[in-house]
């Protein structure tokens, strides 16, 4: 929750093709959505199962992201491998027969390379989502989705890092 953000859900004819937009500090922020630092058109709807954190920058953005506007921007950082073994999951059941399962597995890879090699500090991460069910109050509508996001990183905690991600 960040002060200075106003959401429009298609009210008064304001919005992009999807009908929803946001304003940062009173200025239109429609084209100010980034994913891992790369501009995202924001016309699609994405699930947040693979989002690590959301960063909000309020103020002029020309010097920061290379294209200027007065509002600011929102950056969604996806989950990347870390040097730790982490296993998390969730299961949810809701009205209209909604079920949702998410999983997040991060595992450090035991690569024995020469000291100081970028292969030291390698890890693998896998995030997944499965969702099925109806929409409360709507008889013939379902919202079903699935997603998978594998990633591998080499050289974590070294001067040279290489990260491969897919979603």
C-alpha atoms as a PDB file:
ATOM      1  CA  UNK A   1       0.000   0.000   0.000  1.00  0.00           C
ATOM      2  CA  UNK A   2       1.674   3.191  -1.224  1.00  0.00           C
ATOM      3  CA  UNK A   3       0.148   6.656  -0.808  1.00  0.00           C
ATOM      4  CA  UNK A   4      -0.240   8.653  -4.009  1.00  0.00           C
ATOM      5  CA  UNK A   5      -1.678   5.849  -6.160  1.00  0.00           C
ATOM      6  CA  UNK A   6      -5.240   6.060  -7.494  1.00  0.00           C
ATOM      7  CA  UNK A   7      -6.828   3.153  -9.350  1.00  0.00           C
ATOM      8  CA  UNK A   8      -9.399   3.508 -12.137  1.00  0.00           C
ATOM      9  CA  UNK A   9     -11.289   0.363 -13.044  1.00  0.00           C
ATOM     10  CA  UNK A  10     -12.769   1.659 -16.301  1.00  0.00           C
ATOM     11  CA  UNK A  11     -14.701   4.521 -14.707  1.00  0.00           C
ATOM     12  CA  UNK A  12     -15.652   7.586 -16.771  1.00  0.00           C
ATOM     13  CA  UNK A  13     -14.160   6.174 -19.959  1.00  0.00           C
ATOM     14  CA  UNK A  14     -10.644   6.556 -18.525  1.00  0.00           C
ATOM     15  CA  UNK A  15      -8.278   3.688 -19.073  1.00  0.00           C
ATOM     16  CA  UNK A  16      -6.379   1.669 -21.596  1.00  0.00           C
ATOM     17  CA  UNK A  17      -7.653  -1.155 -23.812  1.00  0.00           C
ATOM     18  CA  UNK A  18      -8.123  -3.397 -20.761  1.00  0.00           C
ATOM     19  CA  UNK A  19     -10.233  -0.673 -19.107  1.00  0.00           C
ATOM     20  CA  UNK A  20      -8.080  -0.310 -16.011  1.00  0.00           C
ATOM     21  CA  UNK A  21      -5.282   2.108 -15.217  1.00  0.00           C
ATOM     22  CA  UNK A  22      -3.661   3.849 -12.304  1.00  0.00           C
ATOM     23  CA  UNK A  23      -2.523   7.361 -11.524  1.00  0.00           C
ATOM     24  CA  UNK A  24       0.656   8.171  -9.598  1.00  0.00           C
ATOM     25  CA  UNK A  25       0.657  11.565  -7.858  1.00  0.00           C
ATOM     26  CA  UNK A  26      -2.332  12.571 -10.032  1.00  0.00           C
ATOM     27  CA  UNK A  27      -0.610  11.776 -13.357  1.00  0.00           C
ATOM     28  CA  UNK A  28      -1.539   8.922 -15.691  1.00  0.00           C
ATOM     29  CA  UNK A  29       0.697   5.900 -15.089  1.00  0.00           C
ATOM     30  CA  UNK A  30      -0.724   3.611 -17.797  1.00  0.00           C
ATOM     31  CA  UNK A  31       2.569   3.106 -19.642  1.00  0.00           C
ATOM     32  CA  UNK A  32       4.712   3.080 -16.517  1.00  0.00           C
ATOM     33  CA  UNK A  33       4.614  -0.606 -15.646  1.00  0.00           C
ATOM     34  CA  UNK A  34       7.881  -2.559 -15.634  1.00  0.00           C
ATOM     35  CA  UNK A  35       8.728  -6.213 -15.055  1.00  0.00           C
ATOM     36  CA  UNK A  36      12.294  -6.835 -13.907  1.00  0.00           C
ATOM     37  CA  UNK A  37      13.200  -3.360 -15.121  1.00  0.00           C
ATOM     38  CA  UNK A  38      11.837  -3.859 -18.657  1.00  0.00           C
ATOM     39  CA  UNK A  39       8.768  -1.895 -19.753  1.00  0.00           C
ATOM     40  CA  UNK A  40       5.574  -3.948 -19.852  1.00  0.00           C
ATOM     41  CA  UNK A  41       2.606  -2.745 -21.870  1.00  0.00           C
ATOM     42  CA  UNK A  42       0.291  -3.826 -19.056  1.00  0.00           C
ATOM     43  CA  UNK A  43      -2.456  -4.887 -21.455  1.00  0.00           C
ATOM     44  CA  UNK A  44      -2.463  -8.470 -20.228  1.00  0.00           C
ATOM     45  CA  UNK A  45      -3.488  -9.822 -16.878  1.00  0.00           C
ATOM     46  CA  UNK A  46      -0.774 -11.774 -15.061  1.00  0.00           C
ATOM     47  CA  UNK A  47      -0.973 -13.765 -11.884  1.00  0.00           C
ATOM     48  CA  UNK A  48       1.405 -12.783  -9.094  1.00  0.00           C
ATOM     49  CA  UNK A  49       2.587 -16.313  -8.196  1.00  0.00           C
ATOM     50  CA  UNK A  50       6.079 -15.507  -9.550  1.00  0.00           C
ATOM     51  CA  UNK A  51       6.440 -11.962  -8.158  1.00  0.00           C
ATOM     52  CA  UNK A  52       9.002 -11.483  -5.364  1.00  0.00           C
ATOM     53  CA  UNK A  53       8.266  -7.811  -4.670  1.00  0.00           C
ATOM     54  CA  UNK A  54       6.704  -4.667  -6.130  1.00  0.00           C
ATOM     55  CA  UNK A  55       8.696  -1.449  -6.263  1.00  0.00           C
ATOM     56  CA  UNK A  56       6.915   1.917  -6.638  1.00  0.00           C
ATOM     57  CA  UNK A  57       8.819   5.039  -7.652  1.00  0.00           C
ATOM     58  CA  UNK A  58       6.962   8.345  -7.340  1.00  0.00           C
ATOM     59  CA  UNK A  59       8.331  11.303  -9.281  1.00  0.00           C
ATOM     60  CA  UNK A  60       9.836  12.179 -12.665  1.00  0.00           C
ATOM     61  CA  UNK A  61      11.356   9.103 -14.278  1.00  0.00           C
ATOM     62  CA  UNK A  62      13.506  10.302 -17.198  1.00  0.00           C
ATOM     63  CA  UNK A  63      16.849   9.807 -15.469  1.00  0.00           C
ATOM     64  CA  UNK A  64      15.877   6.517 -13.862  1.00  0.00           C
ATOM     65  CA  UNK A  65      14.262   4.417 -16.624  1.00  0.00           C
ATOM     66  CA  UNK A  66      15.169   6.378 -19.743  1.00  0.00           C
ATOM     67  CA  UNK A  67      11.734   7.653 -20.690  1.00  0.00           C
ATOM     68  CA  UNK A  68      10.320  10.660 -19.018  1.00  0.00           C
ATOM     69  CA  UNK A  69       6.969  11.177 -17.396  1.00  0.00           C
ATOM     70  CA  UNK A  70       5.865  13.099 -14.357  1.00  0.00           C
ATOM     71  CA  UNK A  71       4.066  10.277 -12.554  1.00  0.00           C
ATOM     72  CA  UNK A  72       6.578   7.569 -11.651  1.00  0.00           C
ATOM     73  CA  UNK A  73       6.541   3.842 -12.324  1.00  0.00           C
ATOM     74  CA  UNK A  74       5.775   0.433 -10.850  1.00  0.00           C
ATOM     75  CA  UNK A  75       8.312  -2.404 -11.220  1.00  0.00           C
ATOM     76  CA  UNK A  76       7.436  -6.026 -10.472  1.00  0.00           C
ATOM     77  CA  UNK A  77      10.491  -8.140  -9.620  1.00  0.00           C
ATOM     78  CA  UNK A  78      10.099 -11.823 -10.413  1.00  0.00           C
ATOM     79  CA  UNK A  79      11.466 -14.561  -8.189  1.00  0.00           C
ATOM     80  CA  UNK A  80      15.095 -15.478  -8.890  1.00  0.00           C
ATOM     81  CA  UNK A  81      17.275 -18.223  -7.425  1.00  0.00           C
ATOM     82  CA  UNK A  82      19.007 -17.523  -4.111  1.00  0.00           C
ATOM     83  CA  UNK A  83      21.762 -19.327  -2.204  1.00  0.00           C
ATOM     84  CA  UNK A  84      19.485 -21.213   0.169  1.00  0.00           C
ATOM     85  CA  UNK A  85      17.237 -24.255   0.137  1.00  0.00           C
ATOM     86  CA  UNK A  86      13.630 -23.065   0.396  1.00  0.00           C
ATOM     87  CA  UNK A  87      10.442 -25.068  -0.088  1.00  0.00           C
ATOM     88  CA  UNK A  88       7.076 -23.305   0.158  1.00  0.00           C
ATOM     89  CA  UNK A  89       3.569 -24.017  -0.986  1.00  0.00           C
ATOM     90  CA  UNK A  90      -0.022 -23.019  -0.471  1.00  0.00           C
ATOM     91  CA  UNK A  91      -3.454 -24.500  -1.029  1.00  0.00           C
ATOM     92  CA  UNK A  92      -6.712 -22.564  -1.003  1.00  0.00           C
ATOM     93  CA  UNK A  93     -10.376 -23.428  -1.403  1.00  0.00           C
ATOM     94  CA  UNK A  94     -13.033 -20.754  -1.923  1.00  0.00           C
ATOM     95  CA  UNK A  95     -16.631 -20.168  -2.884  1.00  0.00           C
ATOM     96  CA  UNK A  96     -17.873 -21.237  -6.334  1.00  0.00           C
ATOM     97  CA  UNK A  97     -15.620 -24.286  -6.103  1.00  0.00           C
ATOM     98  CA  UNK A  98     -12.397 -22.313  -6.433  1.00  0.00           C
ATOM     99  CA  UNK A  99      -9.180 -24.206  -5.742  1.00  0.00           C
ATOM    100  CA  UNK A 100      -5.654 -22.817  -6.005  1.00  0.00           C
ATOM    101  CA  UNK A 101      -2.264 -24.415  -5.433  1.00  0.00           C
ATOM    102  CA  UNK A 102       1.087 -22.636  -5.593  1.00  0.00           C
ATOM    103  CA  UNK A 103       4.587 -23.955  -5.052  1.00  0.00           C
ATOM    104  CA  UNK A 104       8.025 -22.372  -4.734  1.00  0.00           C
ATOM    105  CA  UNK A 105      11.146 -24.556  -4.626  1.00  0.00           C
ATOM    106  CA  UNK A 106      14.647 -23.087  -4.472  1.00  0.00           C
ATOM    107  CA  UNK A 107      17.660 -25.371  -4.271  1.00  0.00           C
ATOM    108  CA  UNK A 108      21.341 -24.507  -4.139  1.00  0.00           C
ATOM    109  CA  UNK A 109      23.295 -26.595  -6.659  1.00  0.00           C
ATOM    110  CA  UNK A 110      26.378 -28.433  -5.345  1.00  0.00           C
ATOM    111  CA  UNK A 111      28.756 -27.508  -8.174  1.00  0.00           C
ATOM    112  CA  UNK A 112      32.411 -27.950  -7.220  1.00  0.00           C
ATOM    113  CA  UNK A 113      34.291 -25.569  -9.483  1.00  0.00           C
ATOM    114  CA  UNK A 114      37.639 -23.839  -9.186  1.00  0.00           C
ATOM    115  CA  UNK A 115      37.773 -21.212  -6.458  1.00  0.00           C
ATOM    116  CA  UNK A 116      36.407 -17.906  -7.712  1.00  0.00           C
ATOM    117  CA  UNK A 117      34.675 -19.458 -10.730  1.00  0.00           C
ATOM    118  CA  UNK A 118      31.302 -18.063 -11.754  1.00  0.00           C
ATOM    119  CA  UNK A 119      29.940 -21.610 -11.352  1.00  0.00           C
ATOM    120  CA  UNK A 120      30.327 -21.197  -7.596  1.00  0.00           C
ATOM    121  CA  UNK A 121      27.071 -20.039  -6.087  1.00  0.00           C
ATOM    122  CA  UNK A 122      24.646 -21.809  -8.409  1.00  0.00           C
ATOM    123  CA  UNK A 123      20.976 -22.360  -7.631  1.00  0.00           C
ATOM    124  CA  UNK A 124      17.751 -23.535  -9.272  1.00  0.00           C
ATOM    125  CA  UNK A 125      14.247 -22.216  -8.561  1.00  0.00           C
ATOM    126  CA  UNK A 126      10.871 -23.483  -9.726  1.00  0.00           C
ATOM    127  CA  UNK A 127       7.563 -21.689  -9.138  1.00  0.00           C
ATOM    128  CA  UNK A 128       4.226 -23.140 -10.111  1.00  0.00           C
ATOM    129  CA  UNK A 129       0.518 -22.354 -10.033  1.00  0.00           C
ATOM    130  CA  UNK A 130      -2.684 -24.279 -10.679  1.00  0.00           C
ATOM    131  CA  UNK A 131      -6.082 -22.623 -10.272  1.00  0.00           C
ATOM    132  CA  UNK A 132      -9.519 -23.947 -11.118  1.00  0.00           C
ATOM    133  CA  UNK A 133     -13.050 -22.914 -10.293  1.00  0.00           C
ATOM    134  CA  UNK A 134     -15.989 -20.684 -10.861  1.00  0.00           C
ATOM    135  CA  UNK A 135     -16.532 -17.002 -10.211  1.00  0.00           C
ATOM    136  CA  UNK A 136     -18.744 -16.147  -7.223  1.00  0.00           C
ATOM    137  CA  UNK A 137     -22.119 -14.799  -8.368  1.00  0.00           C
ATOM    138  CA  UNK A 138     -21.673 -15.967 -11.985  1.00  0.00           C
ATOM    139  CA  UNK A 139     -23.106 -19.327 -13.018  1.00  0.00           C
ATOM    140  CA  UNK A 140     -21.402 -19.926 -16.373  1.00  0.00           C
ATOM    141  CA  UNK A 141     -18.014 -18.283 -15.833  1.00  0.00           C
ATOM    142  CA  UNK A 142     -14.835 -20.097 -14.783  1.00  0.00           C
ATOM    143  CA  UNK A 143     -11.396 -18.768 -14.026  1.00  0.00           C
ATOM    144  CA  UNK A 144      -8.872 -21.496 -14.699  1.00  0.00           C
ATOM    145  CA  UNK A 145      -5.148 -20.915 -15.020  1.00  0.00           C
ATOM    146  CA  UNK A 146      -1.794 -22.547 -14.597  1.00  0.00           C
ATOM    147  CA  UNK A 147       1.775 -21.330 -14.708  1.00  0.00           C
ATOM    148  CA  UNK A 148       5.325 -22.540 -14.384  1.00  0.00           C
ATOM    149  CA  UNK A 149       8.468 -20.454 -13.946  1.00  0.00           C
ATOM    150  CA  UNK A 150      11.820 -22.288 -13.856  1.00  0.00           C
ATOM    151  CA  UNK A 151      15.061 -20.357 -13.384  1.00  0.00           C
ATOM    152  CA  UNK A 152      18.726 -21.153 -12.855  1.00  0.00           C
ATOM    153  CA  UNK A 153      21.477 -18.847 -11.647  1.00  0.00           C
ATOM    154  CA  UNK A 154      25.238 -19.189 -11.859  1.00  0.00           C
ATOM    155  CA  UNK A 155      27.737 -17.061  -9.973  1.00  0.00           C
ATOM    156  CA  UNK A 156      25.550 -15.803  -7.133  1.00  0.00           C
ATOM    157  CA  UNK A 157      27.713 -13.848  -4.646  1.00  0.00           C
ATOM    158  CA  UNK A 158      30.470 -13.499  -7.266  1.00  0.00           C
ATOM    159  CA  UNK A 159      31.348 -10.514  -9.492  1.00  0.00           C
ATOM    160  CA  UNK A 160      29.828 -12.267 -12.549  1.00  0.00           C
ATOM    161  CA  UNK A 161      26.253 -13.605 -12.457  1.00  0.00           C
ATOM    162  CA  UNK A 162      24.252 -15.342 -15.154  1.00  0.00           C
ATOM    163  CA  UNK A 163      20.508 -15.955 -14.646  1.00  0.00           C
ATOM    164  CA  UNK A 164      18.205 -17.811 -17.025  1.00  0.00           C
ATOM    165  CA  UNK A 165      14.454 -17.428 -16.406  1.00  0.00           C
ATOM    166  CA  UNK A 166      11.295 -18.534 -18.189  1.00  0.00           C
ATOM    167  CA  UNK A 167       7.617 -18.056 -17.355  1.00  0.00           C
END
